């Protein structure tokens, strides 16, 4: 079965999530603390998606996200945030999360987000293998890896998908809506902000000077463009 880590310290919420995931064909791996979550990850290396609450009794969800992401760039990570905690959404994405779900959430919304992320991280390799080369960058679509000047850049699966979309469309202005629909899926319930924050994170990884980007440039009022 498809394993999903569920890190939530409130037993009632965790139970609610677990029941709905089981109904949808997932195998939930439960944890109530950050430390326990990291142990469950070591015990279950085949976990493909992690659902992380932020407020925990020991270490917070951001630190759990950082530690998971440091050892596993390919896992999908969704943060659970409160409706009023706008900064938490940005912080979660910048620490390596792929998406966030705002409490209170419906079972259908949460399952749809997990389904979309699981498809992205658990999909089969593209065949035949191809390499897309733009300037100093080389994208390998079988290994889903990116190199800049021959050096590997660690990407999350969302970051890889964004890079592939850019490198498939050099010089073309892509709207935020285009990126959201292609990378997160047309059934995505979330906000356009998730695109902007992931672009910011990607720039930190690939740009020589992220404050003055030359590879991913902003098309004001519209979206972004790949080209140099």
Protein backbone atom coordinates (compact mmCIF):
# COMPACT_ATOMS: atom_id res chain seq x y z
CA UNK A 1 0.00 0.00 0.00
CA UNK A 2 0.99 3.63 -0.45
CA UNK A 3 2.51 4.92 2.76
CA UNK A 4 1.87 8.43 4.09
CA UNK A 5 3.42 9.82 7.27
CA UNK A 6 0.83 11.63 9.39
CA UNK A 7 2.46 13.87 12.01
CA UNK A 8 -0.21 15.48 14.20
CA UNK A 9 -0.12 15.79 17.99
CA UNK A 10 -3.89 16.16 18.42
CA UNK A 11 -5.21 12.61 18.55
CA UNK A 12 -8.71 13.52 17.30
CA UNK A 13 -7.37 15.26 14.18
CA UNK A 14 -4.83 12.51 13.53
CA UNK A 15 -7.53 9.84 13.84
CA UNK A 16 -9.77 11.78 11.43
CA UNK A 17 -6.97 12.01 8.86
CA UNK A 18 -5.95 8.37 9.26
CA UNK A 19 -9.49 7.05 8.79
CA UNK A 20 -9.96 9.04 5.58
CA UNK A 21 -6.57 8.04 4.20
CA UNK A 22 -7.33 4.37 4.81
CA UNK A 23 -10.65 4.77 2.98
CA UNK A 24 -8.71 6.19 0.04
CA UNK A 25 -6.31 3.25 -0.13
CA UNK A 26 -3.34 4.68 1.78
CA UNK A 27 -1.31 3.16 4.60
CA UNK A 28 -0.97 5.95 7.20
CA UNK A 29 2.12 5.88 9.44
CA UNK A 30 1.24 7.83 12.58
CA UNK A 31 3.39 10.09 14.75
CA UNK A 32 2.47 12.53 17.52
CA UNK A 33 5.87 14.24 17.98
CA UNK A 34 8.61 15.44 15.68
CA UNK A 35 11.09 12.97 17.12
CA UNK A 36 8.68 10.08 16.61
CA UNK A 37 8.05 11.22 13.02
CA UNK A 38 11.77 11.14 12.20
CA UNK A 39 12.00 7.64 13.70
CA UNK A 40 9.03 6.47 11.61
CA UNK A 41 10.74 7.83 8.51
CA UNK A 42 13.85 5.75 9.24
CA UNK A 43 11.71 2.66 9.88
CA UNK A 44 9.70 3.19 6.68
CA UNK A 45 12.03 4.41 3.92
CA UNK A 46 9.29 3.73 1.35
CA UNK A 47 7.11 6.59 2.64
CA UNK A 48 6.45 8.81 -0.38
CA UNK A 49 4.41 11.64 1.20
CA UNK A 50 4.61 13.26 4.64
CA UNK A 51 1.83 15.33 6.22
CA UNK A 52 3.34 17.57 8.92
CA UNK A 53 1.62 19.68 11.53
CA UNK A 54 3.55 22.76 12.65
CA UNK A 55 2.76 23.07 16.36
CA UNK A 56 4.25 20.06 18.16
CA UNK A 57 5.23 19.29 21.76
CA UNK A 58 8.95 18.90 21.02
CA UNK A 59 10.45 20.24 17.77
CA UNK A 60 8.22 22.14 15.37
CA UNK A 61 7.06 20.92 11.99
CA UNK A 62 9.44 23.26 10.16
CA UNK A 63 12.46 21.54 11.72
CA UNK A 64 10.99 18.11 10.94
CA UNK A 65 10.53 19.27 7.34
CA UNK A 66 14.15 20.50 7.15
CA UNK A 67 15.53 17.24 8.51
CA UNK A 68 13.41 15.06 6.20
CA UNK A 69 14.25 17.19 3.18
CA UNK A 70 17.99 17.14 3.98
CA UNK A 71 18.07 13.36 3.56
CA UNK A 72 15.26 12.84 1.04
CA UNK A 73 14.84 15.42 -1.73
CA UNK A 74 12.21 13.35 -3.54
CA UNK A 75 9.61 12.82 -0.82
CA UNK A 76 6.45 14.91 -1.04
CA UNK A 77 5.79 17.13 2.00
CA UNK A 78 2.54 18.88 2.91
CA UNK A 79 2.35 21.25 5.90
CA UNK A 80 -0.81 21.73 7.98
CA UNK A 81 -1.27 25.42 8.78
CA UNK A 82 -3.86 27.47 10.66
CA UNK A 83 -5.99 29.86 8.61
CA UNK A 84 -4.59 32.94 10.36
CA UNK A 85 -0.93 31.91 10.17
CA UNK A 86 -0.04 33.36 6.76
CA UNK A 87 3.70 33.45 7.50
CA UNK A 88 3.65 29.75 8.39
CA UNK A 89 2.62 28.94 4.82
CA UNK A 90 5.60 30.79 3.37
CA UNK A 91 8.00 29.46 6.01
CA UNK A 92 6.85 25.90 5.41
CA UNK A 93 7.42 26.17 1.68
CA UNK A 94 10.81 27.81 2.11
CA UNK A 95 11.98 25.04 4.46
CA UNK A 96 11.25 22.43 1.78
CA UNK A 97 7.53 21.67 1.80
CA UNK A 98 5.77 21.16 -1.53
CA UNK A 99 2.33 22.29 -0.46
CA UNK A 100 0.23 23.32 2.52
CA UNK A 101 -3.33 22.64 3.65
CA UNK A 102 -5.14 25.14 5.82
CA UNK A 103 -7.09 24.01 8.88
CA UNK A 104 -9.96 23.30 9.02
CA UNK A 105 -9.87 21.18 5.88
CA UNK A 106 -12.29 18.76 4.25
CA UNK A 107 -11.36 15.10 3.76
CA UNK A 108 -11.85 15.51 0.00
CA UNK A 109 -9.46 18.46 -0.17
CA UNK A 110 -6.74 16.75 1.85
CA UNK A 111 -7.02 13.49 -0.10
CA UNK A 112 -6.91 15.36 -3.42
CA UNK A 113 -3.72 17.16 -2.37
CA UNK A 114 -2.09 13.90 -1.27
CA UNK A 115 -3.24 12.11 -4.45
CA UNK A 116 -1.72 14.84 -6.64
CA UNK A 117 1.57 14.86 -4.74
CA UNK A 118 1.79 11.06 -4.63
CA UNK A 119 1.35 10.88 -8.41
CA UNK A 120 4.19 13.35 -8.84
CA UNK A 121 6.69 11.67 -6.51
CA UNK A 122 5.68 8.09 -7.23
CA UNK A 123 5.36 8.26 -10.98
CA UNK A 124 7.33 6.07 -13.33
CA UNK A 125 10.44 7.41 -14.97
CA UNK A 126 9.85 9.02 -18.30
CA UNK A 127 10.88 6.96 -21.30
CA UNK A 128 12.86 7.21 -23.39
CA UNK A 129 15.47 9.00 -21.31
CA UNK A 130 16.27 12.48 -22.56
CA UNK A 131 18.55 15.29 -21.56
CA UNK A 132 17.47 18.88 -21.91
CA UNK A 133 20.39 21.30 -22.09
CA UNK A 134 19.98 25.06 -21.69
CA UNK A 135 23.14 27.09 -21.14
CA UNK A 136 24.98 25.73 -18.07
CA UNK A 137 22.03 23.50 -17.11
CA UNK A 138 21.39 19.85 -17.99
CA UNK A 139 18.14 18.15 -16.98
CA UNK A 140 17.98 14.35 -17.07
CA UNK A 141 14.35 13.27 -17.36
CA UNK A 142 14.93 9.61 -16.47
CA UNK A 143 16.87 10.28 -13.27
CA UNK A 144 14.91 13.51 -12.68
CA UNK A 145 18.15 15.34 -11.89
CA UNK A 146 19.56 18.78 -12.67
CA UNK A 147 23.18 19.79 -13.14
CA UNK A 148 24.67 23.27 -13.43
CA UNK A 149 28.16 23.40 -14.94
CA UNK A 150 28.44 19.67 -14.24
CA UNK A 151 27.51 19.94 -10.54
CA UNK A 152 24.35 18.27 -9.23
CA UNK A 153 21.67 20.53 -7.74
CA UNK A 154 19.36 18.81 -5.26
CA UNK A 155 15.74 19.42 -6.23
CA UNK A 156 12.42 18.41 -4.74
CA UNK A 157 9.98 16.77 -7.14
CA UNK A 158 8.00 20.01 -7.38
CA UNK A 159 11.16 21.97 -8.17
CA UNK A 160 12.10 19.39 -10.81
CA UNK A 161 8.67 19.71 -12.42
CA UNK A 162 8.96 23.49 -12.52
CA UNK A 163 12.45 23.31 -14.03
CA UNK A 164 11.29 20.85 -16.68
CA UNK A 165 8.40 23.13 -17.61
CA UNK A 166 10.78 26.09 -17.93
CA UNK A 167 13.41 24.20 -19.92
CA UNK A 168 10.76 22.78 -22.24
CA UNK A 169 9.64 26.36 -22.95
CA UNK A 170 12.73 28.58 -23.18
CA UNK A 171 11.95 32.25 -23.75
CA UNK A 172 8.21 31.77 -23.29
CA UNK A 173 6.38 33.71 -20.59
CA UNK A 174 4.49 31.24 -18.38
CA UNK A 175 1.64 32.50 -16.27
CA UNK A 176 1.33 31.53 -12.63
CA UNK A 177 -1.87 29.71 -13.57
CA UNK A 178 -0.04 27.72 -16.27
CA UNK A 179 2.64 26.66 -13.79
CA UNK A 180 0.08 25.80 -11.10
CA UNK A 181 -2.04 23.70 -13.46
CA UNK A 182 0.93 21.84 -14.94
CA UNK A 183 2.88 21.17 -11.74
CA UNK A 184 0.16 20.87 -9.10
CA UNK A 185 -2.68 19.76 -11.36
CA UNK A 186 -5.91 21.34 -12.52
CA UNK A 187 -7.80 19.94 -9.54
CA UNK A 188 -5.51 21.78 -7.10
CA UNK A 189 -7.45 23.65 -4.42
CA UNK A 190 -4.67 25.98 -3.30
CA UNK A 191 -3.45 29.51 -3.95
CA UNK A 192 -1.10 30.99 -6.54
CA UNK A 193 1.25 31.91 -3.69
CA UNK A 194 2.58 28.35 -3.72
CA UNK A 195 4.05 29.05 -7.18
CA UNK A 196 5.80 32.25 -6.10
CA UNK A 197 7.37 30.71 -3.01
CA UNK A 198 8.62 27.67 -4.91
CA UNK A 199 10.13 29.96 -7.57
CA UNK A 200 11.88 31.90 -4.80
CA UNK A 201 13.25 28.64 -3.37
CA UNK A 202 14.34 27.46 -6.81
CA UNK A 203 16.16 30.73 -7.50
CA UNK A 204 18.18 30.28 -4.31
CA UNK A 205 19.38 26.94 -5.67
CA UNK A 206 20.15 27.81 -9.29
CA UNK A 207 20.87 31.53 -9.57
CA UNK A 208 24.35 33.01 -9.08
CA UNK A 209 22.64 35.94 -7.33
CA UNK A 210 19.06 35.09 -6.28
CA UNK A 211 18.33 38.79 -5.64
CA UNK A 212 19.15 39.55 -9.27
CA UNK A 213 17.95 36.46 -11.18
CA UNK A 214 19.03 35.97 -14.79
CA UNK A 215 17.67 32.47 -15.46
CA UNK A 216 14.15 32.68 -14.02
CA UNK A 217 12.95 36.21 -14.63
CA UNK A 218 9.69 37.76 -13.50
CA UNK A 219 7.10 38.87 -16.03
CA UNK A 220 5.37 41.46 -13.89
CA UNK A 221 1.65 40.96 -13.43
CA UNK A 222 1.75 37.67 -15.31
CA UNK A 223 4.29 35.05 -14.27
CA UNK A 224 7.84 33.94 -15.08
CA UNK A 225 10.13 33.26 -18.00
CA UNK A 226 13.14 30.98 -18.49
CA UNK A 227 15.87 32.51 -20.59
CA UNK A 228 19.20 34.27 -20.50
